[in-house]
Amino acid sequence: MTFKKFLLVFIFCFPILLNAQNKIDYQSIDSLTYIQYINKDWKSLIQTSKLGLKNGVDYYYLRMRKGIAEFELENYFKATADFNKALALNEYDKTAKSYRYFSLFNSGKKTMAYKFSNQFSNNQKNELKININTVDDLTFFGGYSLSDNYRKNGSLNLLAGDTATYGEQLLMGDQMYFNLGTSINFSPSFSLYAAVSYLDIDKRKRFQYLLNEEVVEQNFDSPIRQVETYLNGKLQLNKGWSLNIFTNLLFLSTTQHLAFLVIDSIKQEEFDYLITANDTTFMDWVAGFNLQKDLNYIVIDWGGTVSKFYENQQYLTSLSATYYPFGNFKFYGKTCLIYFYEPEASFDHDASRIIFSQSLGIQLAKMIWIEGEYTLGDLKNVNMKQGLVVYNLPDKINYMAGAKLNIFVSKHVSLNIQYQFYDKSGLYINFAGANNTLYSYSTNYQTHNIIGGIKWRF
């Protein structure tokens, strides 16, 4: 603010402020906020508006001025709340409608903004340059997962115990991951996100057994190749409600190695193991829904999925809250609670599980954000992010922690880089004793994921 403007505001405002000490009414608030609006003194305008609202002064122009001030300071969630109040007092006002549209749009609530634009005439849409692109964005990301499983557990003695005669172990190793996705708008109320992913996962099967009192070991490397096709349709409803229906089809191919005991029919005491290799392809899937209620500062999600991984059925329901306590993107968080049930879970996993996830984000600079996340619970056969992320590998995930850096390079381009740490548990089995009793032993290892991505907004 220049010195002349400051002097002008002081001359006009000082009597009002002096009078406001004794009386806060419509006239004093209206006069002061008008001058602050003319001079674009947004922070002072917001404080004066709050003072008036606290003392029962609430009317259309006060909400408009406060909303515009919040908008100019990029507090888009707060601005939306003020323009909602303004429209409740004057539902046909074009200026309030246009500001509400852009407040929603800049809050990342595009589908709500698009649906709200149905209230605009074609001329008004042209004036405001509102154009709903058929293709909204294009996203590509990929990464590599470094595992220390081979190094830590790839040389273990599988014949633990004095009487063990046979043992086997499945080791999961490094992974590569690529994803390409796009968002398509079919109407202001309905959009579809479609993506295809490719994963290449190292896998090793180990066999150890006694033959003529000598330990024989055979190892076989056979990667898992997984292609995912993901669809998520979103229907934007009225009053902040929306419904997502989604599915993810996973096409897997690998070679499975199995051991069979061969006994000499003549010399019954002599035997060997036959290892067979079978090329296998199969399809896993997940389907579900997500119902969302947008309360402006808080967004509540409730959803459920049904899935089938490795011939087992799974059921999942989740409840989450995403919140913006300061009415902007300077600080935000998401808390999620998941209940998972797998009736025929393997012996090393609980059939019923509770999973907790927490993420927080802060703004580091004007166009840079950092997010941290933490997930606690066994994630085997669990899906997250509305079925987009699937944990269908056999090992147990004890917990996950990570960080993500988001950089908005321009209006159209954003970049992100992400690090994730997973603590996992594997196992190996052996048969020991006169009755060939089955024993299982747990192992522990970690993976480090580095993921980078780029998003183009049309």
Protein backbone atom coordinates (compact mmCIF):
# COMPACT_ATOMS: atom_id res chain seq x y z
CA MET A 1 0.00 0.00 0.00
CA THR A 2 1.41 3.41 -0.98
CA PHE A 3 1.75 6.21 1.56
CA LYS A 4 -1.08 8.21 -0.09
CA LYS A 5 -3.44 5.23 0.11
CA PHE A 6 -2.44 4.58 3.71
CA LEU A 7 -3.09 8.21 4.59
CA LEU A 8 -6.46 8.11 2.86
CA VAL A 9 -7.48 4.94 4.70
CA PHE A 10 -6.30 6.41 8.01
CA ILE A 11 -8.28 9.65 7.49
CA PHE A 12 -11.46 7.79 6.66
CA CYS A 13 -11.05 4.87 9.03
CA PHE A 14 -9.82 6.55 12.20
CA PRO A 15 -13.21 8.04 13.10
CA ILE A 16 -14.87 4.70 12.32
CA LEU A 17 -12.40 2.77 14.45
CA LEU A 18 -12.80 5.30 17.26
CA ASN A 19 -16.55 4.93 17.09
CA ALA A 20 -16.27 1.12 16.77
CA GLN A 21 -14.78 0.97 20.24
CA ASN A 22 -18.19 1.97 21.56
CA LYS A 23 -20.44 0.55 18.83
CA ILE A 24 -20.06 -2.10 16.13
CA ASP A 25 -22.96 -1.91 13.71
CA TYR A 26 -23.82 -2.29 10.05
CA GLN A 27 -22.84 1.27 9.12
CA SER A 28 -19.36 1.15 10.68
CA ILE A 29 -18.56 -2.32 9.31
CA ASP A 30 -19.91 -1.51 5.85
CA SER A 31 -17.96 1.74 5.59
CA LEU A 32 -14.70 0.26 6.77
CA THR A 33 -14.85 -2.93 4.68
CA TYR A 34 -15.77 -0.89 1.59
CA ILE A 35 -12.68 1.29 1.96
CA GLN A 36 -10.51 -1.76 2.61
CA TYR A 37 -12.00 -3.44 -0.47
CA ILE A 38 -11.31 -0.40 -2.68
CA ASN A 39 -7.71 -0.32 -1.45
CA LYS A 40 -7.29 -4.11 -1.71
CA ASP A 41 -6.28 -4.33 1.94
CA TRP A 42 -7.35 -7.95 2.02
CA LYS A 43 -6.00 -9.01 5.42
CA SER A 44 -7.54 -6.03 7.21
CA LEU A 45 -10.81 -6.57 5.36
CA ILE A 46 -10.98 -10.15 6.60
CA GLN A 47 -10.33 -9.10 10.19
CA THR A 48 -12.97 -6.38 10.03
CA SER A 49 -15.47 -8.81 8.47
CA LYS A 50 -14.84 -11.34 11.22
CA LEU A 51 -15.41 -8.62 13.82
CA GLY A 52 -18.72 -7.74 12.21
CA LEU A 53 -19.86 -11.36 11.91
CA LYS A 54 -18.92 -11.96 15.55
CA ASN A 55 -21.22 -9.10 16.50
CA GLY A 56 -24.15 -10.23 14.37
CA VAL A 57 -23.48 -8.08 11.29
CA ASP A 58 -24.01 -10.35 8.28
CA TYR A 59 -25.24 -9.30 4.83
CA TYR A 60 -24.62 -9.96 1.15
CA TYR A 61 -21.92 -7.36 0.41
CA LEU A 62 -19.96 -8.24 3.55
CA ARG A 63 -19.82 -11.89 2.46
CA MET A 64 -18.83 -10.87 -1.07
CA ARG A 65 -16.02 -8.60 0.13
CA LYS A 66 -14.72 -11.16 2.58
CA GLY A 67 -14.99 -13.93 -0.01
CA ILE A 68 -13.06 -11.91 -2.60
CA ALA A 69 -10.41 -11.07 0.00
CA GLU A 70 -10.01 -14.78 0.86
CA PHE A 71 -9.89 -15.59 -2.85
CA GLU A 72 -7.13 -13.05 -3.50
CA LEU A 73 -5.12 -14.56 -0.62
CA GLU A 74 -5.66 -18.04 -2.16
CA ASN A 75 -7.74 -19.23 0.80
CA TYR A 76 -10.13 -20.91 -1.62
CA PHE A 77 -11.92 -23.11 0.90
CA LYS A 78 -12.77 -20.07 3.05
CA ALA A 79 -13.77 -18.14 -0.06
CA THR A 80 -16.15 -20.92 -1.07
CA ALA A 81 -17.87 -20.74 2.32
CA ASP A 82 -18.37 -16.97 1.97
CA PHE A 83 -19.73 -17.20 -1.57
CA ASN A 84 -22.11 -19.94 -0.43
CA LYS A 85 -23.42 -17.51 2.19
CA ALA A 86 -23.63 -14.70 -0.36
CA LEU A 87 -25.64 -16.87 -2.76
CA ALA A 88 -27.96 -17.87 0.08
CA LEU A 89 -28.73 -14.15 0.40
CA ASN A 90 -28.84 -13.47 -3.35
CA GLU A 91 -29.05 -16.72 -5.28
CA TYR A 92 -29.10 -15.15 -8.76
CA ASP A 93 -26.01 -12.97 -8.44
CA LYS A 94 -23.67 -13.69 -11.36
CA THR A 95 -20.57 -12.32 -9.65
CA ALA A 96 -21.02 -14.55 -6.61
CA LYS A 97 -21.59 -17.54 -8.89
CA SER A 98 -18.46 -16.88 -10.92
CA TYR A 99 -16.31 -16.48 -7.80
CA ARG A 100 -17.78 -19.64 -6.32
CA TYR A 101 -16.96 -21.56 -9.50
CA PHE A 102 -13.31 -20.49 -9.49
CA SER A 103 -13.01 -21.05 -5.73
CA LEU A 104 -14.12 -24.65 -6.21
CA PHE A 105 -11.91 -25.08 -9.26
CA ASN A 106 -8.82 -23.73 -7.50
CA SER A 107 -9.56 -25.93 -4.48
CA GLY A 108 -9.03 -28.97 -6.68
CA LYS A 109 -12.76 -29.73 -6.70
CA LYS A 110 -13.10 -29.72 -10.46
CA THR A 111 -16.14 -31.96 -10.74
CA MET A 112 -18.08 -29.80 -8.25
CA ALA A 113 -17.08 -26.71 -10.23
CA TYR A 114 -18.07 -28.31 -13.54
CA LYS A 115 -21.47 -29.33 -12.21
CA PHE A 116 -22.02 -25.85 -10.74
CA SER A 117 -21.25 -24.32 -14.16
CA ASN A 118 -24.54 -25.79 -15.41
CA GLN A 119 -26.15 -22.73 -13.81
CA PHE A 120 -24.29 -20.41 -16.21
CA SER A 121 -25.55 -19.33 -19.59
CA ASN A 122 -23.40 -19.94 -22.65
CA ASN A 123 -22.59 -16.21 -22.80
CA GLN A 124 -21.50 -16.20 -19.18
CA LYS A 125 -19.33 -19.28 -19.76
CA ASN A 126 -17.67 -17.53 -22.68
CA GLU A 127 -17.12 -14.36 -20.65
CA LEU A 128 -15.52 -16.33 -17.81
CA LYS A 129 -13.61 -18.56 -20.26
CA ILE A 130 -15.08 -21.69 -18.73
CA ASN A 131 -14.22 -24.60 -20.98
CA ILE A 132 -14.62 -28.19 -19.85
CA ASN A 133 -12.03 -30.19 -21.75
CA THR A 134 -12.96 -33.66 -22.89
CA VAL A 135 -9.49 -34.86 -21.89
CA ASP A 136 -8.65 -33.18 -18.58
CA ASP A 137 -5.13 -34.45 -17.95
CA LEU A 138 -2.52 -37.05 -18.79
CA THR A 139 -0.36 -38.68 -16.10
CA PHE A 140 2.74 -40.84 -16.32
CA PHE A 141 4.77 -42.16 -13.43
CA GLY A 142 7.11 -45.01 -12.76
CA GLY A 143 9.68 -46.23 -10.33
CA TYR A 144 11.90 -48.93 -8.95
CA SER A 145 11.70 -50.90 -5.72
CA LEU A 146 14.96 -52.01 -4.13
CA SER A 147 14.66 -55.05 -1.87
CA ASP A 148 17.27 -56.55 0.44
CA ASN A 149 15.37 -59.86 0.65
CA TYR A 150 17.78 -61.83 -1.54
CA ARG A 151 20.78 -60.53 0.40
CA LYS A 152 19.33 -61.06 3.89
CA ASN A 153 17.39 -64.26 3.38
CA GLY A 154 18.61 -65.84 0.17
CA SER A 155 21.24 -68.00 1.85
CA LEU A 156 19.33 -69.25 4.87
CA ASN A 157 19.54 -72.87 5.86
CA LEU A 158 16.04 -74.14 5.09
CA LEU A 159 16.64 -77.41 6.95
CA ALA A 160 16.43 -75.84 10.40
CA GLY A 161 16.29 -78.49 13.08
CA ASP A 162 18.17 -81.76 13.34
CA THR A 163 15.51 -83.91 11.66
CA ALA A 164 14.40 -81.67 8.74
CA THR A 165 14.62 -83.41 5.38
CA TYR A 166 12.97 -80.91 3.01
CA GLY A 167 12.51 -77.12 2.93
CA GLU A 168 11.33 -74.50 0.46
CA GLN A 169 11.22 -70.71 0.32
CA LEU A 170 9.68 -68.07 -1.94
CA LEU A 171 11.67 -64.83 -2.15
CA MET A 172 10.28 -61.59 -3.59
CA GLY A 173 12.94 -59.23 -4.97
CA ASP A 174 13.19 -55.91 -6.80
CA GLN A 175 10.31 -54.41 -8.76
CA MET A 176 9.80 -52.04 -11.70
CA TYR A 177 6.54 -50.12 -12.08
CA PHE A 178 5.02 -47.91 -14.80
CA ASN A 179 1.61 -46.24 -15.02
CA LEU A 180 -0.13 -44.18 -17.70
CA GLY A 181 -3.49 -42.58 -16.95
CA THR A 182 -5.92 -39.95 -18.17
CA SER A 183 -9.10 -38.22 -16.97
CA ILE A 184 -11.99 -37.83 -19.42
CA ASN A 185 -15.07 -35.63 -18.94
CA PHE A 186 -18.22 -36.99 -20.55
CA SER A 187 -20.40 -34.26 -19.07
CA PRO A 188 -20.17 -31.62 -16.33
CA SER A 189 -21.41 -34.25 -13.88
CA PHE A 190 -19.64 -37.42 -15.01
CA SER A 191 -15.93 -38.12 -15.50
CA LEU A 192 -13.82 -41.23 -15.98
CA TYR A 193 -10.25 -41.94 -14.97
CA ALA A 194 -8.60 -44.72 -16.97
CA ALA A 195 -5.11 -46.11 -16.44
CA VAL A 196 -2.89 -48.99 -17.44
CA SER A 197 0.04 -50.20 -15.32
CA TYR A 198 2.89 -52.63 -15.80
CA LEU A 199 4.89 -54.33 -13.04
CA ASP A 200 7.95 -56.55 -13.35
CA ILE A 201 8.68 -58.32 -10.05
CA ASP A 202 11.72 -60.48 -9.33
CA LYS A 203 10.86 -63.84 -7.76
CA ARG A 204 13.06 -66.73 -6.64
CA LYS A 205 12.02 -70.18 -5.46
CA ARG A 206 14.50 -72.13 -3.30
CA PHE A 207 14.47 -75.85 -2.54
CA GLN A 208 16.70 -77.70 -0.09
CA TYR A 209 16.50 -81.40 0.71
CA LEU A 210 18.56 -84.32 1.93
CA LEU A 211 19.70 -86.88 -0.63
CA ASN A 212 22.01 -89.66 0.49
CA GLU A 213 22.73 -87.61 3.62
CA GLU A 214 23.91 -84.70 1.48
CA VAL A 215 22.15 -81.31 1.32
CA VAL A 216 20.97 -80.50 -2.20
CA GLU A 217 19.85 -76.98 -3.09
CA GLN A 218 18.11 -75.80 -6.25
CA ASN A 219 17.15 -72.19 -6.98
CA PHE A 220 14.88 -70.94 -9.77
CA ASP A 221 14.38 -67.32 -10.85
CA SER A 222 11.05 -66.57 -12.55
CA PRO A 223 9.74 -62.98 -12.53
CA ILE A 224 6.09 -62.05 -12.15
CA ARG A 225 4.78 -59.80 -14.92
CA GLN A 226 1.59 -57.99 -14.08
CA VAL A 227 -0.55 -55.74 -16.30
CA GLU A 228 -3.35 -53.72 -14.68
CA THR A 229 -6.28 -51.99 -16.35
CA TYR A 230 -8.06 -49.53 -14.08
CA LEU A 231 -11.34 -47.64 -14.56
CA ASN A 232 -12.94 -45.20 -12.12
CA GLY A 233 -16.15 -43.38 -12.98
CA LYS A 234 -17.21 -40.40 -10.86
CA LEU A 235 -20.75 -39.04 -10.74
CA GLN A 236 -20.99 -35.61 -9.14
CA LEU A 237 -24.28 -35.24 -7.26
CA ASN A 238 -25.91 -32.26 -5.58
CA LYS A 239 -25.02 -30.71 -2.21
CA GLY A 240 -21.42 -31.91 -2.24
CA TRP A 241 -22.19 -35.60 -2.69
CA SER A 242 -20.39 -37.73 -5.26
CA LEU A 243 -20.23 -41.43 -6.11
CA ASN A 244 -17.31 -43.38 -7.59
CA ILE A 245 -17.60 -46.85 -9.12
CA PHE A 246 -14.27 -48.47 -9.97
CA THR A 247 -12.59 -51.70 -11.00
CA ASN A 248 -9.05 -52.95 -11.49
CA LEU A 249 -8.28 -56.04 -13.57
CA LEU A 250 -4.85 -57.60 -13.02
CA PHE A 251 -3.37 -59.99 -15.58
CA LEU A 252 -0.44 -61.97 -14.19
CA SER A 253 2.03 -64.36 -15.78
CA THR A 254 4.86 -66.29 -14.12
CA THR A 255 6.46 -69.70 -13.87
CA GLN A 256 5.58 -71.78 -10.83
CA HIS A 257 8.06 -74.36 -9.56
CA LEU A 258 6.80 -77.34 -7.57
CA ALA A 259 8.68 -80.21 -5.96
CA PHE A 260 7.46 -83.81 -5.99
CA LEU A 261 8.95 -86.67 -3.98
CA VAL A 262 10.07 -89.59 -6.12
CA ILE A 263 10.62 -92.96 -4.42
CA ASP A 264 12.45 -95.81 -6.05
CA SER A 265 9.90 -98.62 -6.34
CA ILE A 266 12.59 -101.27 -5.91
CA LYS A 267 14.87 -99.63 -3.32
CA GLN A 268 12.31 -98.04 -1.10
CA GLU A 269 14.88 -96.22 1.02
CA GLU A 270 16.35 -94.24 -1.89
CA PHE A 271 14.46 -91.19 -3.20
CA ASP A 272 14.84 -87.89 -5.04
CA TYR A 273 12.78 -84.75 -5.71
CA LEU A 274 11.44 -83.82 -9.12
CA ILE A 275 11.14 -80.04 -9.70
CA THR A 276 8.56 -79.08 -12.31
CA ALA A 277 8.20 -75.69 -14.01
CA ASN A 278 4.72 -74.61 -15.09
CA ASP A 279 4.06 -71.41 -17.03
CA THR A 280 0.98 -69.86 -15.47
CA THR A 281 -1.32 -66.99 -16.37
CA PHE A 282 -4.31 -65.86 -14.35
CA MET A 283 -6.44 -62.81 -13.62
CA ASP A 284 -7.08 -61.10 -10.30
CA TRP A 285 -9.62 -58.34 -9.85
CA VAL A 286 -11.04 -55.75 -7.49
CA ALA A 287 -14.30 -53.80 -7.77
CA GLY A 288 -15.88 -51.28 -5.45
CA PHE A 289 -17.55 -47.97 -4.72
CA ASN A 290 -16.77 -44.77 -2.86
CA LEU A 291 -19.37 -42.34 -1.53
CA GLN A 292 -18.08 -38.87 -0.75
CA LYS A 293 -19.52 -35.89 1.09
CA ASP A 294 -17.76 -32.56 0.69
CA LEU A 295 -18.19 -30.31 3.74
CA ASN A 296 -15.76 -27.73 2.34
CA TYR A 297 -13.06 -27.84 5.03
CA ILE A 298 -13.55 -31.60 5.52
CA VAL A 299 -14.23 -34.29 2.93
CA ILE A 300 -15.64 -37.59 4.20
CA ASP A 301 -15.21 -40.80 2.17
CA TRP A 302 -16.84 -44.15 2.80
CA GLY A 303 -16.27 -47.06 0.47
CA GLY A 304 -16.13 -50.80 0.04
CA THR A 305 -14.56 -53.35 -2.29
CA VAL A 306 -14.78 -57.00 -3.21
CA SER A 307 -11.68 -58.63 -4.68
CA LYS A 308 -10.27 -61.96 -5.74
CA PHE A 309 -6.52 -62.52 -5.47
CA TYR A 310 -4.92 -65.94 -5.94
CA GLU A 311 -8.29 -67.74 -5.84
CA ASN A 312 -9.22 -66.18 -2.47
CA GLN A 313 -12.07 -63.75 -1.90
CA GLN A 314 -11.52 -60.52 0.07
CA TYR A 315 -13.87 -57.88 1.47
CA LEU A 316 -12.87 -54.37 2.53
CA THR A 317 -14.56 -51.26 3.85
CA SER A 318 -12.90 -47.92 4.59
CA LEU A 319 -13.74 -44.60 6.20
CA SER A 320 -11.54 -41.55 5.74
CA ALA A 321 -11.50 -37.80 6.34
CA THR A 322 -9.47 -35.27 4.36
CA TYR A 323 -9.19 -31.93 6.09
CA TYR A 324 -7.92 -28.39 5.40
CA PRO A 325 -7.92 -26.68 8.82
CA PHE A 326 -6.72 -23.29 7.54
CA GLY A 327 -9.02 -23.15 4.52
CA ASN A 328 -6.17 -23.54 2.04
CA PHE A 329 -3.40 -25.89 0.92
CA LYS A 330 -0.79 -24.59 3.35
CA PHE A 331 -1.51 -27.52 5.65
CA TYR A 332 -3.78 -30.51 5.10
CA GLY A 333 -4.15 -34.12 6.15
CA LYS A 334 -5.97 -37.36 5.61
CA THR A 335 -6.85 -40.04 8.16
CA CYS A 336 -8.09 -43.42 6.99
CA LEU A 337 -9.32 -46.53 8.79
CA ILE A 338 -9.74 -49.82 6.89
CA TYR A 339 -11.44 -53.04 7.90
CA PHE A 340 -10.32 -56.05 5.85
CA TYR A 341 -11.70 -59.58 5.86
CA GLU A 342 -10.43 -62.64 3.98
CA PRO A 343 -12.37 -65.79 4.97
CA GLU A 344 -9.75 -68.23 3.67
CA ALA A 345 -6.57 -66.33 4.52
CA SER A 346 -3.32 -68.28 4.55
CA PHE A 347 -2.09 -69.58 7.92
CA ASP A 348 0.49 -66.76 8.28
CA HIS A 349 -2.07 -63.94 7.92
CA ASP A 350 -5.06 -62.91 10.04
CA ALA A 351 -8.40 -63.30 8.31
CA SER A 352 -9.72 -60.11 9.91
CA ARG A 353 -7.55 -56.99 10.11
CA ILE A 354 -7.67 -53.28 10.96
CA ILE A 355 -5.38 -50.96 9.00
CA PHE A 356 -4.62 -47.35 9.87
CA SER A 357 -3.23 -44.76 7.48
CA GLN A 358 -2.26 -41.13 8.09
CA SER A 359 -0.88 -38.51 5.70
CA LEU A 360 -0.02 -34.83 6.20
CA GLY A 361 1.00 -32.15 3.72
CA ILE A 362 2.49 -28.68 4.01
CA GLN A 363 3.35 -25.96 1.53
CA LEU A 364 7.09 -25.29 1.36
CA ALA A 365 6.97 -22.54 -1.27
CA LYS A 366 4.43 -20.98 -3.61
CA MET A 367 4.48 -23.94 -6.00
CA ILE A 368 6.05 -26.69 -3.86
CA TRP A 369 4.39 -29.06 -1.39
CA ILE A 370 5.71 -31.98 0.64
CA GLU A 371 3.62 -34.82 2.02
CA GLY A 372 4.37 -37.54 4.54
CA GLU A 373 2.43 -40.77 5.03
CA TYR A 374 2.37 -43.74 7.37
CA THR A 375 0.36 -46.97 7.16
CA LEU A 376 0.21 -49.58 9.92
CA GLY A 377 -1.18 -53.05 9.38
CA ASP A 378 -0.75 -56.19 7.30
CA LEU A 379 -1.47 -55.09 3.73
CA LYS A 380 -1.39 -58.47 1.99
CA ASN A 381 -4.31 -58.61 -0.52
CA VAL A 382 -5.46 -55.13 0.58
CA ASN A 383 -6.27 -52.43 -1.98
CA MET A 384 -6.10 -48.67 -1.40
CA LYS A 385 -6.83 -45.41 -3.22
CA GLN A 386 -10.09 -46.75 -4.60
CA GLY A 387 -8.54 -49.92 -5.95
CA LEU A 388 -5.70 -48.22 -7.82
CA VAL A 389 -3.02 -49.55 -5.47
CA VAL A 390 -3.12 -53.32 -4.91
CA TYR A 391 -0.91 -55.34 -2.56
CA ASN A 392 -1.38 -58.81 -4.00
CA LEU A 393 2.09 -60.26 -3.37
CA PRO A 394 2.38 -63.12 -0.83
CA ASP A 395 4.54 -61.47 1.84
CA LYS A 396 3.25 -59.61 4.88
CA ILE A 397 3.68 -55.82 5.01
CA ASN A 398 4.10 -54.74 8.63
CA TYR A 399 4.09 -50.99 8.00
CA MET A 400 4.87 -48.38 5.38
CA ALA A 401 6.27 -44.83 5.67
CA GLY A 402 7.01 -42.38 2.91
CA ALA A 403 7.39 -38.82 1.68
CA LYS A 404 6.34 -37.11 -1.54
CA LEU A 405 7.45 -33.83 -3.12
CA ASN A 406 5.01 -32.09 -5.49
CA ILE A 407 6.27 -29.29 -7.76
CA PHE A 408 3.91 -27.27 -9.96
CA VAL A 409 6.17 -26.13 -12.77
CA SER A 410 3.46 -24.21 -14.65
CA LYS A 411 -0.26 -24.02 -15.16
CA HIS A 412 -0.13 -27.20 -17.21
CA VAL A 413 2.79 -29.23 -15.82
CA SER A 414 3.44 -30.69 -12.38
CA LEU A 415 6.16 -33.07 -11.23
CA ASN A 416 6.43 -35.33 -8.21
CA ILE A 417 9.01 -37.60 -6.65
CA GLN A 418 8.16 -40.10 -3.93
CA TYR A 419 10.05 -42.32 -1.51
CA GLN A 420 8.42 -45.24 0.29
CA PHE A 421 9.86 -47.56 2.93
CA TYR A 422 8.23 -50.94 3.55
CA ASP A 423 8.97 -53.34 6.39
CA LYS A 424 7.97 -56.85 5.27
CA SER A 425 7.93 -60.41 6.53
CA GLY A 426 8.42 -63.51 4.45
CA LEU A 427 8.67 -67.15 5.47
CA TYR A 428 10.06 -70.53 4.63
CA ILE A 429 8.79 -73.99 5.52
CA ASN A 430 10.29 -77.40 6.12
CA PHE A 431 9.24 -80.91 7.05
CA ALA A 432 10.90 -82.60 10.00
CA GLY A 433 10.51 -85.57 12.28
CA ALA A 434 9.28 -89.10 11.76
CA ASN A 435 5.84 -87.82 10.79
CA ASN A 436 7.17 -85.11 8.44
CA THR A 437 5.55 -82.36 10.51
CA LEU A 438 5.26 -79.00 8.71
CA TYR A 439 7.09 -76.08 10.35
CA SER A 440 7.15 -72.44 9.23
CA TYR A 441 9.76 -69.78 10.01
CA SER A 442 9.39 -66.03 9.61
CA THR A 443 11.94 -63.77 7.92
CA ASN A 444 12.22 -60.00 7.77
CA TYR A 445 13.36 -57.61 5.05
CA GLN A 446 12.82 -54.08 3.74
CA THR A 447 12.10 -52.44 0.40
CA HIS A 448 12.84 -48.89 -0.72
CA ASN A 449 10.64 -47.45 -3.47
CA ILE A 450 11.63 -44.46 -5.59
CA ILE A 451 8.81 -43.19 -7.81
CA GLY A 452 8.71 -40.17 -10.11
CA GLY A 453 5.87 -38.77 -12.17
CA ILE A 454 4.69 -36.00 -14.47
CA LYS A 455 1.17 -34.67 -15.00
CA TRP A 456 0.01 -32.55 -17.92
CA ARG A 457 -3.22 -30.57 -17.49
CA PHE A 458 -4.96 -29.51 -20.66
